[in-house]
Amino acid sequence: MSACCSTRATSLSVAVIHATCAYCLASTVVMLALLAVLWWRRAGLPGRHAPLGSLVAGALAVAVLVPLGAAFIFAMPSQVGGGSEAALARHLRESGAIMYGAYWCPHCQEQKALFGDAARDLPYVECDPNGVNARPDLCEKAGVKAFPTWVIGGQRREGVQSLSALADASHFQPATAASPSRQ
């Protein structure tokens, strides 16, 4: 994948689906740093005159900014749900919601990735007969035609759903730190 496509895909993942991948962001930072280094080196080619100070400053800036950018990306918390993914997954299961999917479906994998480690708690039904714990009979009975398909409170939702859309559909009320504790 070219640097432009990777950067564009990363931008879309942040702006459209409101999800981040630390590895994708780090890859984008590294590619942009390489672009900057090559740009500054290009200025030093024969026939091009660049002051030595600007080349040193550019190299120094890249040497400092890339590690700082990578450290920021890997240290930042998940922007998806602030740790409430597990609570939402449990709530979906307890409220009777069901996610129908297939192990080979990239959109199902994307949906699970929004939950991170809490994906194991999702109320998931495998529709492909070759999948683990497959229940194609339930998928047929539910009339599943697309993956993933969510059934929440009798309402059908097809395609990848944001965490906030799932929370709204299931009437999930996350616990807040500011809520008074019972004594």
N, C-alpha and C. Protein backbone atom coordinates (compact mmCIF):
# COMPACT_ATOMS: atom_id res chain seq x y z
N MET A 1 0.85 -1.17 0.00
CA MET A 1 0.00 0.00 0.00
C MET A 1 0.90 1.23 0.00
N SER A 2 0.55 2.18 -0.82
CA SER A 2 1.37 3.39 -0.88
C SER A 2 1.14 4.26 0.34
N ALA A 3 2.06 5.18 0.54
CA ALA A 3 1.95 6.08 1.69
C ALA A 3 0.68 6.91 1.61
N CYS A 4 0.33 7.34 0.41
CA CYS A 4 -0.86 8.17 0.24
C CYS A 4 -2.11 7.38 0.62
N CYS A 5 -2.23 6.15 0.13
CA CYS A 5 -3.41 5.33 0.43
C CYS A 5 -3.50 5.01 1.91
N SER A 6 -2.37 4.68 2.52
CA SER A 6 -2.37 4.37 3.95
C SER A 6 -2.76 5.58 4.77
N THR A 7 -2.24 6.74 4.42
CA THR A 7 -2.57 7.97 5.14
C THR A 7 -4.05 8.30 4.96
N ARG A 8 -4.55 8.13 3.75
CA ARG A 8 -5.96 8.40 3.47
C ARG A 8 -6.84 7.42 4.24
N ALA A 9 -6.49 6.14 4.26
CA ALA A 9 -7.28 5.14 4.99
C ALA A 9 -7.28 5.44 6.49
N THR A 10 -6.13 5.85 7.01
CA THR A 10 -6.05 6.20 8.43
C THR A 10 -6.91 7.41 8.72
N SER A 11 -6.88 8.40 7.85
CA SER A 11 -7.71 9.59 8.03
C SER A 11 -9.18 9.23 8.03
N LEU A 12 -9.59 8.36 7.11
CA LEU A 12 -10.99 7.93 7.06
C LEU A 12 -11.38 7.16 8.31
N SER A 13 -10.49 6.30 8.79
CA SER A 13 -10.84 5.52 9.98
C SER A 13 -11.07 6.42 11.18
N VAL A 14 -10.31 7.49 11.30
CA VAL A 14 -10.47 8.41 12.42
C VAL A 14 -11.70 9.30 12.21
N ALA A 15 -11.88 9.81 11.00
CA ALA A 15 -12.95 10.79 10.75
C ALA A 15 -14.32 10.15 10.55
N VAL A 16 -14.37 8.97 9.94
CA VAL A 16 -15.66 8.39 9.58
C VAL A 16 -16.15 7.37 10.60
N ILE A 17 -15.32 6.37 10.90
CA ILE A 17 -15.81 5.33 11.82
C ILE A 17 -15.38 5.59 13.26
N HIS A 18 -14.64 6.66 13.48
CA HIS A 18 -14.24 7.07 14.83
C HIS A 18 -13.52 5.95 15.57
N ALA A 19 -12.63 5.29 14.86
CA ALA A 19 -11.83 4.23 15.46
C ALA A 19 -10.38 4.43 15.05
N THR A 20 -9.48 4.06 15.92
CA THR A 20 -8.07 4.20 15.59
C THR A 20 -7.37 2.87 15.75
N CYS A 21 -6.32 2.74 15.00
CA CYS A 21 -5.44 1.58 15.10
C CYS A 21 -4.05 2.16 15.35
N ALA A 22 -3.49 1.83 16.50
CA ALA A 22 -2.18 2.40 16.85
C ALA A 22 -1.13 2.05 15.81
N TYR A 23 -1.17 0.86 15.26
CA TYR A 23 -0.19 0.46 14.26
C TYR A 23 -0.35 1.26 12.97
N CYS A 24 -1.60 1.52 12.57
CA CYS A 24 -1.84 2.31 11.36
C CYS A 24 -1.37 3.75 11.56
N LEU A 25 -1.66 4.31 12.73
CA LEU A 25 -1.22 5.67 13.01
C LEU A 25 0.30 5.75 13.05
N ALA A 26 0.94 4.77 13.67
CA ALA A 26 2.40 4.75 13.72
C ALA A 26 2.98 4.61 12.31
N SER A 27 2.35 3.78 11.50
CA SER A 27 2.81 3.60 10.12
C SER A 27 2.71 4.92 9.36
N THR A 28 1.63 5.64 9.56
CA THR A 28 1.46 6.94 8.90
C THR A 28 2.54 7.92 9.35
N VAL A 29 2.82 7.96 10.64
CA VAL A 29 3.87 8.85 11.16
C VAL A 29 5.22 8.50 10.53
N VAL A 30 5.54 7.22 10.47
CA VAL A 30 6.83 6.79 9.90
C VAL A 30 6.89 7.16 8.41
N MET A 31 5.79 6.92 7.67
CA MET A 31 5.79 7.25 6.25
C MET A 31 5.95 8.76 6.02
N LEU A 32 5.27 9.55 6.82
CA LEU A 32 5.41 11.00 6.68
C LEU A 32 6.82 11.46 7.05
N ALA A 33 7.42 10.82 8.04
CA ALA A 33 8.80 11.15 8.42
C ALA A 33 9.75 10.80 7.28
N LEU A 34 9.55 9.64 6.67
CA LEU A 34 10.38 9.26 5.52
C LEU A 34 10.22 10.25 4.37
N LEU A 35 8.99 10.68 4.13
CA LEU A 35 8.76 11.67 3.09
C LEU A 35 9.53 12.96 3.40
N ALA A 36 9.49 13.38 4.65
CA ALA A 36 10.21 14.61 5.04
C ALA A 36 11.71 14.45 4.85
N VAL A 37 12.25 13.32 5.26
CA VAL A 37 13.70 13.08 5.11
C VAL A 37 14.08 13.08 3.64
N LEU A 38 13.30 12.39 2.82
CA LEU A 38 13.61 12.35 1.39
C LEU A 38 13.49 13.75 0.76
N TRP A 39 12.53 14.52 1.20
CA TRP A 39 12.36 15.88 0.68
C TRP A 39 13.58 16.73 1.02
N TRP A 40 14.04 16.63 2.26
CA TRP A 40 15.21 17.41 2.66
C TRP A 40 16.47 16.91 1.97
N ARG A 41 16.59 15.62 1.77
CA ARG A 41 17.77 15.07 1.09
C ARG A 41 17.76 15.49 -0.37
N ARG A 42 16.58 15.60 -0.95
CA ARG A 42 16.46 16.01 -2.34
C ARG A 42 17.06 17.40 -2.54
N ALA A 43 16.88 18.24 -1.54
CA ALA A 43 17.42 19.60 -1.64
C ALA A 43 18.95 19.58 -1.65
N GLY A 44 19.56 18.53 -1.16
CA GLY A 44 21.02 18.45 -1.11
C GLY A 44 21.64 17.79 -2.33
N LEU A 45 20.83 17.40 -3.33
CA LEU A 45 21.36 16.76 -4.53
C LEU A 45 22.16 17.76 -5.36
N PRO A 46 23.09 17.25 -6.19
CA PRO A 46 23.86 18.15 -7.06
C PRO A 46 22.93 18.99 -7.93
N GLY A 47 23.26 20.24 -8.04
CA GLY A 47 22.44 21.16 -8.82
C GLY A 47 21.38 21.84 -7.97
N ARG A 48 21.19 21.38 -6.77
CA ARG A 48 20.23 22.00 -5.85
C ARG A 48 21.04 22.50 -4.67
N HIS A 49 20.83 23.68 -4.29
CA HIS A 49 21.60 24.26 -3.20
C HIS A 49 20.69 24.53 -2.01
N ALA A 50 21.01 23.84 -0.94
CA ALA A 50 20.26 24.06 0.30
C ALA A 50 21.28 24.36 1.38
N PRO A 51 21.01 25.32 2.20
CA PRO A 51 21.94 25.61 3.29
C PRO A 51 22.09 24.40 4.19
N LEU A 52 23.30 24.15 4.62
CA LEU A 52 23.58 23.01 5.49
C LEU A 52 22.76 23.09 6.77
N GLY A 53 22.54 24.29 7.27
CA GLY A 53 21.77 24.47 8.50
C GLY A 53 20.35 23.94 8.37
N SER A 54 19.71 24.13 7.20
CA SER A 54 18.33 23.66 7.04
C SER A 54 18.29 22.14 6.95
N LEU A 55 19.32 21.54 6.33
CA LEU A 55 19.36 20.07 6.28
C LEU A 55 19.55 19.48 7.67
N VAL A 56 20.43 20.06 8.45
CA VAL A 56 20.67 19.57 9.81
C VAL A 56 19.43 19.78 10.67
N ALA A 57 18.81 20.94 10.53
CA ALA A 57 17.60 21.22 11.32
C ALA A 57 16.48 20.26 10.94
N GLY A 58 16.34 19.97 9.66
CA GLY A 58 15.31 19.03 9.21
C GLY A 58 15.56 17.64 9.74
N ALA A 59 16.78 17.17 9.64
CA ALA A 59 17.11 15.84 10.13
C ALA A 59 16.90 15.75 11.64
N LEU A 60 17.30 16.81 12.34
CA LEU A 60 17.12 16.84 13.79
C LEU A 60 15.64 16.85 14.16
N ALA A 61 14.84 17.61 13.41
CA ALA A 61 13.40 17.66 13.67
C ALA A 61 12.77 16.28 13.48
N VAL A 62 13.14 15.59 12.41
CA VAL A 62 12.60 14.25 12.17
C VAL A 62 13.05 13.29 13.26
N ALA A 63 14.33 13.39 13.65
CA ALA A 63 14.86 12.49 14.68
C ALA A 63 14.16 12.69 16.02
N VAL A 64 13.66 13.88 16.28
CA VAL A 64 12.97 14.14 17.54
C VAL A 64 11.47 13.89 17.41
N LEU A 65 10.87 14.33 16.30
CA LEU A 65 9.42 14.25 16.15
C LEU A 65 8.90 12.83 15.93
N VAL A 66 9.63 12.00 15.21
CA VAL A 66 9.14 10.64 14.96
C VAL A 66 9.03 9.84 16.25
N PRO A 67 10.06 9.79 17.09
CA PRO A 67 9.88 9.04 18.34
C PRO A 67 8.81 9.64 19.25
N LEU A 68 8.73 10.97 19.29
CA LEU A 68 7.69 11.60 20.11
C LEU A 68 6.30 11.28 19.58
N GLY A 69 6.14 11.34 18.27
CA GLY A 69 4.85 11.01 17.66
C GLY A 69 4.46 9.56 17.91
N ALA A 70 5.42 8.66 17.75
CA ALA A 70 5.14 7.23 17.99
C ALA A 70 4.80 7.00 19.46
N ALA A 71 5.52 7.64 20.36
CA ALA A 71 5.24 7.48 21.79
C ALA A 71 3.84 8.00 22.11
N PHE A 72 3.44 9.11 21.51
CA PHE A 72 2.11 9.66 21.74
C PHE A 72 1.03 8.70 21.23
N ILE A 73 1.24 8.16 20.04
CA ILE A 73 0.24 7.27 19.45
C ILE A 73 0.04 6.02 20.29
N PHE A 74 1.13 5.40 20.74
CA PHE A 74 1.01 4.17 21.50
C PHE A 74 0.58 4.41 22.95
N ALA A 75 0.78 5.62 23.46
CA ALA A 75 0.42 5.91 24.85
C ALA A 75 -1.00 6.42 24.99
N MET A 76 -1.60 6.91 23.89
CA MET A 76 -2.93 7.48 24.02
C MET A 76 -3.97 6.40 24.25
N PRO A 77 -4.99 6.70 25.05
CA PRO A 77 -6.03 5.72 25.31
C PRO A 77 -6.91 5.53 24.09
N SER A 78 -7.62 4.44 24.05
CA SER A 78 -8.54 4.17 22.96
C SER A 78 -9.58 5.28 22.88
N GLN A 79 -9.84 5.78 21.69
CA GLN A 79 -10.81 6.85 21.53
C GLN A 79 -12.20 6.29 21.30
N VAL A 80 -12.34 4.99 21.21
CA VAL A 80 -13.61 4.41 20.83
C VAL A 80 -14.63 4.47 21.94
N GLY A 81 -14.29 3.99 23.12
CA GLY A 81 -15.32 3.92 24.12
C GLY A 81 -14.86 4.27 25.51
N GLY A 82 -13.63 4.65 25.68
CA GLY A 82 -13.15 5.04 26.98
C GLY A 82 -13.25 3.95 28.03
N GLY A 83 -13.16 2.69 27.62
CA GLY A 83 -13.20 1.60 28.59
C GLY A 83 -14.58 1.04 28.84
N SER A 84 -15.60 1.60 28.20
CA SER A 84 -16.95 1.09 28.43
C SER A 84 -17.35 0.02 27.44
N GLU A 85 -16.41 -0.43 26.60
CA GLU A 85 -16.71 -1.46 25.61
C GLU A 85 -17.18 -2.74 26.29
N ALA A 86 -16.50 -3.14 27.37
CA ALA A 86 -16.86 -4.37 28.08
C ALA A 86 -18.26 -4.25 28.68
N ALA A 87 -18.56 -3.09 29.27
CA ALA A 87 -19.88 -2.89 29.86
C ALA A 87 -20.96 -2.92 28.78
N LEU A 88 -20.68 -2.33 27.62
CA LEU A 88 -21.65 -2.34 26.52
C LEU A 88 -21.86 -3.77 26.01
N ALA A 89 -20.77 -4.52 25.85
CA ALA A 89 -20.89 -5.91 25.38
C ALA A 89 -21.74 -6.73 26.34
N ARG A 90 -21.49 -6.58 27.65
CA ARG A 90 -22.30 -7.31 28.64
C ARG A 90 -23.76 -6.87 28.59
N HIS A 91 -23.98 -5.57 28.46
CA HIS A 91 -25.35 -5.05 28.38
C HIS A 91 -26.08 -5.61 27.16
N LEU A 92 -25.39 -5.65 26.01
CA LEU A 92 -26.01 -6.20 24.80
C LEU A 92 -26.42 -7.65 25.02
N ARG A 93 -25.53 -8.43 25.64
CA ARG A 93 -25.83 -9.83 25.90
C ARG A 93 -27.03 -9.95 26.86
N GLU A 94 -27.00 -9.18 27.94
CA GLU A 94 -28.06 -9.25 28.95
C GLU A 94 -29.40 -8.75 28.43
N SER A 95 -29.38 -7.83 27.48
CA SER A 95 -30.63 -7.28 26.95
C SER A 95 -31.21 -8.13 25.83
N GLY A 96 -30.53 -9.21 25.46
CA GLY A 96 -31.05 -10.11 24.43
C GLY A 96 -30.68 -9.73 23.01
N ALA A 97 -29.79 -8.79 22.84
CA ALA A 97 -29.34 -8.42 21.50
C ALA A 97 -28.52 -9.56 20.92
N ILE A 98 -28.49 -9.65 19.59
CA ILE A 98 -27.71 -10.70 18.92
C ILE A 98 -27.00 -10.10 17.72
N MET A 99 -25.73 -10.47 17.58
CA MET A 99 -24.97 -10.11 16.39
C MET A 99 -24.77 -11.39 15.58
N TYR A 100 -25.30 -11.40 14.35
CA TYR A 100 -25.11 -12.52 13.45
C TYR A 100 -23.97 -12.18 12.51
N GLY A 101 -23.06 -13.14 12.31
CA GLY A 101 -21.92 -12.88 11.44
C GLY A 101 -21.30 -14.15 10.93
N ALA A 102 -20.19 -13.98 10.24
CA ALA A 102 -19.44 -15.10 9.69
C ALA A 102 -17.96 -14.87 9.96
N TYR A 103 -17.25 -15.94 10.25
CA TYR A 103 -15.83 -15.81 10.63
C TYR A 103 -14.98 -15.19 9.54
N TRP A 104 -15.36 -15.34 8.29
CA TRP A 104 -14.57 -14.84 7.17
C TRP A 104 -14.94 -13.41 6.78
N CYS A 105 -15.95 -12.84 7.40
CA CYS A 105 -16.48 -11.52 7.02
C CYS A 105 -15.60 -10.39 7.58
N PRO A 106 -15.01 -9.56 6.72
CA PRO A 106 -14.17 -8.47 7.21
C PRO A 106 -14.96 -7.43 8.00
N HIS A 107 -16.23 -7.24 7.67
CA HIS A 107 -17.04 -6.27 8.40
C HIS A 107 -17.36 -6.78 9.81
N CYS A 108 -17.53 -8.09 9.94
CA CYS A 108 -17.75 -8.67 11.27
C CYS A 108 -16.49 -8.50 12.12
N GLN A 109 -15.33 -8.68 11.51
CA GLN A 109 -14.07 -8.48 12.22
C GLN A 109 -13.92 -7.01 12.63
N GLU A 110 -14.33 -6.11 11.74
CA GLU A 110 -14.27 -4.68 12.04
C GLU A 110 -15.20 -4.35 13.22
N GLN A 111 -16.40 -4.96 13.21
CA GLN A 111 -17.35 -4.71 14.29
C GLN A 111 -16.78 -5.20 15.61
N LYS A 112 -16.20 -6.39 15.61
CA LYS A 112 -15.60 -6.94 16.84
C LYS A 112 -14.42 -6.09 17.30
N ALA A 113 -13.66 -5.57 16.34
CA ALA A 113 -12.48 -4.76 16.69
C ALA A 113 -12.88 -3.49 17.44
N LEU A 114 -14.06 -2.96 17.18
CA LEU A 114 -14.52 -1.78 17.91
C LEU A 114 -14.65 -2.08 19.41
N PHE A 115 -14.89 -3.34 19.75
CA PHE A 115 -15.03 -3.73 21.15
C PHE A 115 -13.71 -4.14 21.78
N GLY A 116 -12.66 -4.29 20.98
CA GLY A 116 -11.37 -4.70 21.53
C GLY A 116 -11.47 -6.07 22.20
N ASP A 117 -10.86 -6.19 23.37
CA ASP A 117 -10.88 -7.46 24.11
C ASP A 117 -12.28 -7.85 24.55
N ALA A 118 -13.18 -6.90 24.65
CA ALA A 118 -14.55 -7.19 25.09
C ALA A 118 -15.36 -7.91 24.01
N ALA A 119 -14.81 -8.07 22.82
CA ALA A 119 -15.54 -8.77 21.75
C ALA A 119 -15.90 -10.19 22.15
N ARG A 120 -15.12 -10.79 23.04
CA ARG A 120 -15.42 -12.16 23.47
C ARG A 120 -16.74 -12.23 24.26
N ASP A 121 -17.21 -11.08 24.77
CA ASP A 121 -18.45 -11.03 25.53
C ASP A 121 -19.67 -10.71 24.68
N LEU A 122 -19.47 -10.47 23.39
CA LEU A 122 -20.59 -10.12 22.52
C LEU A 122 -21.54 -11.30 22.35
N PRO A 123 -22.83 -11.01 22.20
CA PRO A 123 -23.80 -12.07 21.92
C PRO A 123 -23.74 -12.43 20.43
N TYR A 124 -22.77 -13.24 20.05
CA TYR A 124 -22.44 -13.51 18.66
C TYR A 124 -22.95 -14.87 18.22
N VAL A 125 -23.55 -14.92 17.03
CA VAL A 125 -24.00 -16.17 16.44
C VAL A 125 -23.26 -16.34 15.12
N GLU A 126 -22.52 -17.44 14.99
CA GLU A 126 -21.77 -17.75 13.76
C GLU A 126 -22.73 -18.37 12.75
N CYS A 127 -22.81 -17.78 11.56
CA CYS A 127 -23.75 -18.23 10.54
C CYS A 127 -23.14 -19.21 9.54
N ASP A 128 -21.82 -19.19 9.37
CA ASP A 128 -21.19 -20.10 8.40
C ASP A 128 -21.06 -21.49 9.02
N PRO A 129 -21.54 -22.53 8.34
CA PRO A 129 -21.47 -23.88 8.89
C PRO A 129 -20.04 -24.34 9.19
N ASN A 130 -19.05 -23.73 8.55
CA ASN A 130 -17.66 -24.11 8.78
C ASN A 130 -17.03 -23.36 9.95
N GLY A 131 -17.75 -22.42 10.54
CA GLY A 131 -17.21 -21.63 11.65
C GLY A 131 -17.31 -22.38 12.97
N VAL A 132 -16.63 -21.86 13.98
CA VAL A 132 -16.63 -22.44 15.32
C VAL A 132 -17.99 -22.17 15.97
N ASN A 133 -18.56 -23.20 16.58
CA ASN A 133 -19.88 -23.10 17.23
C ASN A 133 -20.94 -22.54 16.28
N ALA A 134 -20.91 -22.99 15.04
CA ALA A 134 -21.82 -22.47 14.01
C ALA A 134 -23.27 -22.82 14.32
N ARG A 135 -24.15 -21.86 14.03
CA ARG A 135 -25.60 -22.04 14.19
C ARG A 135 -26.31 -21.46 12.97
N PRO A 136 -26.06 -22.05 11.79
CA PRO A 136 -26.71 -21.51 10.58
C PRO A 136 -28.23 -21.60 10.66
N ASP A 137 -28.75 -22.52 11.45
CA ASP A 137 -30.20 -22.65 11.61
C ASP A 137 -30.79 -21.37 12.23
N LEU A 138 -30.10 -20.82 13.23
CA LEU A 138 -30.57 -19.58 13.86
C LEU A 138 -30.51 -18.41 12.89
N CYS A 139 -29.47 -18.38 12.07
CA CYS A 139 -29.30 -17.30 11.10
C CYS A 139 -30.41 -17.38 10.04
N GLU A 140 -30.71 -18.59 9.60
CA GLU A 140 -31.78 -18.77 8.62
C GLU A 140 -33.13 -18.38 9.21
N LYS A 141 -33.37 -18.81 10.44
CA LYS A 141 -34.62 -18.47 11.13
C LYS A 141 -34.78 -16.96 11.30
N ALA A 142 -33.67 -16.26 11.55
CA ALA A 142 -33.70 -14.80 11.72
C ALA A 142 -33.71 -14.06 10.38
N GLY A 143 -33.56 -14.78 9.27
CA GLY A 143 -33.59 -14.15 7.95
C GLY A 143 -32.38 -13.30 7.66
N VAL A 144 -31.23 -13.70 8.17
CA VAL A 144 -30.00 -12.92 7.97
C VAL A 144 -29.56 -13.02 6.52
N LYS A 145 -29.38 -11.85 5.90
CA LYS A 145 -28.94 -11.77 4.50
C LYS A 145 -27.62 -11.04 4.34
N ALA A 146 -27.21 -10.29 5.36
CA ALA A 146 -25.97 -9.51 5.30
C ALA A 146 -25.24 -9.64 6.63
N PHE A 147 -23.93 -9.47 6.57
CA PHE A 147 -23.12 -9.57 7.79
C PHE A 147 -22.40 -8.25 8.04
N PRO A 148 -22.25 -7.83 9.26
CA PRO A 148 -22.98 -8.34 10.42
C PRO A 148 -24.41 -7.83 10.42
N THR A 149 -25.29 -8.60 11.05
CA THR A 149 -26.67 -8.19 11.28
C THR A 149 -26.90 -8.20 12.77
N TRP A 150 -27.36 -7.08 13.30
CA TRP A 150 -27.70 -6.97 14.71
C TRP A 150 -29.22 -7.01 14.85
N VAL A 151 -29.71 -7.72 15.86
CA VAL A 151 -31.11 -7.67 16.23
C VAL A 151 -31.13 -7.20 17.68
N ILE A 152 -31.66 -5.98 17.87
CA ILE A 152 -31.68 -5.35 19.20
C ILE A 152 -33.11 -4.89 19.46
N GLY A 153 -33.71 -5.45 20.48
CA GLY A 153 -35.08 -5.04 20.84
C GLY A 153 -36.06 -5.20 19.70
N GLY A 154 -35.90 -6.25 18.90
CA GLY A 154 -36.79 -6.49 17.78
C GLY A 154 -36.45 -5.70 16.53
N GLN A 155 -35.50 -4.79 16.61
CA GLN A 155 -35.08 -3.97 15.47
C GLN A 155 -33.86 -4.59 14.79
N ARG A 156 -33.87 -4.64 13.48
CA ARG A 156 -32.77 -5.20 12.70
C ARG A 156 -31.88 -4.06 12.20
N ARG A 157 -30.55 -4.26 12.37
CA ARG A 157 -29.56 -3.30 11.88
C ARG A 157 -28.50 -4.09 11.13
N GLU A 158 -28.28 -3.73 9.87
CA GLU A 158 -27.29 -4.42 9.06
C GLU A 158 -26.06 -3.55 8.89
N GLY A 159 -24.90 -4.21 8.83
CA GLY A 159 -23.64 -3.51 8.63
C GLY A 159 -22.98 -3.16 9.96
N VAL A 160 -21.78 -2.63 9.87
CA VAL A 160 -21.01 -2.26 11.06
C VAL A 160 -21.72 -1.10 11.76
N GLN A 161 -21.93 -1.23 13.05
CA GLN A 161 -22.58 -0.20 13.86
C GLN A 161 -21.56 0.43 14.79
N SER A 162 -21.63 1.73 14.96
CA SER A 162 -20.74 2.39 15.91
C SER A 162 -21.15 1.98 17.32
N LEU A 163 -20.24 2.13 18.25
CA LEU A 163 -20.55 1.79 19.64
C LEU A 163 -21.69 2.67 20.16
N SER A 164 -21.69 3.94 19.75
CA SER A 164 -22.76 4.83 20.23
C SER A 164 -24.10 4.43 19.64
N ALA A 165 -24.13 3.96 18.39
CA ALA A 165 -25.39 3.52 17.78
C ALA A 165 -25.91 2.28 18.51
N LEU A 166 -25.01 1.36 18.85
CA LEU A 166 -25.42 0.17 19.59
C LEU A 166 -25.91 0.53 20.99
N ALA A 167 -25.23 1.48 21.62
CA ALA A 167 -25.64 1.92 22.96
C ALA A 167 -27.01 2.57 22.91
N ASP A 168 -27.25 3.41 21.92
CA ASP A 168 -28.54 4.07 21.78
C ASP A 168 -29.65 3.05 21.50
N ALA A 169 -29.39 2.13 20.58
CA ALA A 169 -30.41 1.14 20.21
C ALA A 169 -30.78 0.23 21.37
N SER A 170 -29.82 -0.04 22.24
CA SER A 170 -30.07 -0.97 23.35
C SER A 170 -30.36 -0.25 24.66
N HIS A 171 -30.43 1.09 24.60
CA HIS A 171 -30.71 1.92 25.79
C HIS A 171 -29.66 1.71 26.89
N PHE A 172 -28.40 1.64 26.46
CA PHE A 172 -27.28 1.45 27.39
C PHE A 172 -26.98 2.76 28.10
N GLN A 173 -26.89 2.70 29.40
CA GLN A 173 -26.52 3.86 30.22
C GLN A 173 -25.20 3.54 30.92
N PRO A 174 -24.07 4.04 30.41
CA PRO A 174 -22.80 3.72 31.05
C PRO A 174 -22.71 4.36 32.43
N ALA A 175 -22.04 3.65 33.31
CA ALA A 175 -21.79 4.19 34.65
C ALA A 175 -20.82 5.35 34.52
N THR A 176 -21.06 6.42 35.23
CA THR A 176 -20.16 7.57 35.18
C THR A 176 -19.46 7.72 36.51
N ALA A 177 -18.26 8.26 36.45
CA ALA A 177 -17.48 8.47 37.67
C ALA A 177 -18.14 9.49 38.59
N ALA A 178 -18.95 10.37 37.99
CA ALA A 178 -19.55 11.43 38.77
C ALA A 178 -20.84 10.99 39.49
N SER A 179 -21.30 9.76 39.16
CA SER A 179 -22.55 9.33 39.79
C SER A 179 -22.32 9.06 41.27
N PRO A 180 -23.29 9.41 42.10
CA PRO A 180 -23.11 9.24 43.55
C PRO A 180 -23.06 7.76 43.92
N SER A 181 -22.21 7.44 44.86
CA SER A 181 -22.10 6.07 45.29
C SER A 181 -23.09 5.81 46.43
N ARG A 182 -23.56 4.58 46.50
CA ARG A 182 -24.50 4.21 47.55
C ARG A 182 -23.74 3.81 48.80
N GLN A 183 -24.29 4.19 49.92
CA GLN A 183 -23.61 3.84 51.18
C GLN A 183 -24.50 2.97 52.01
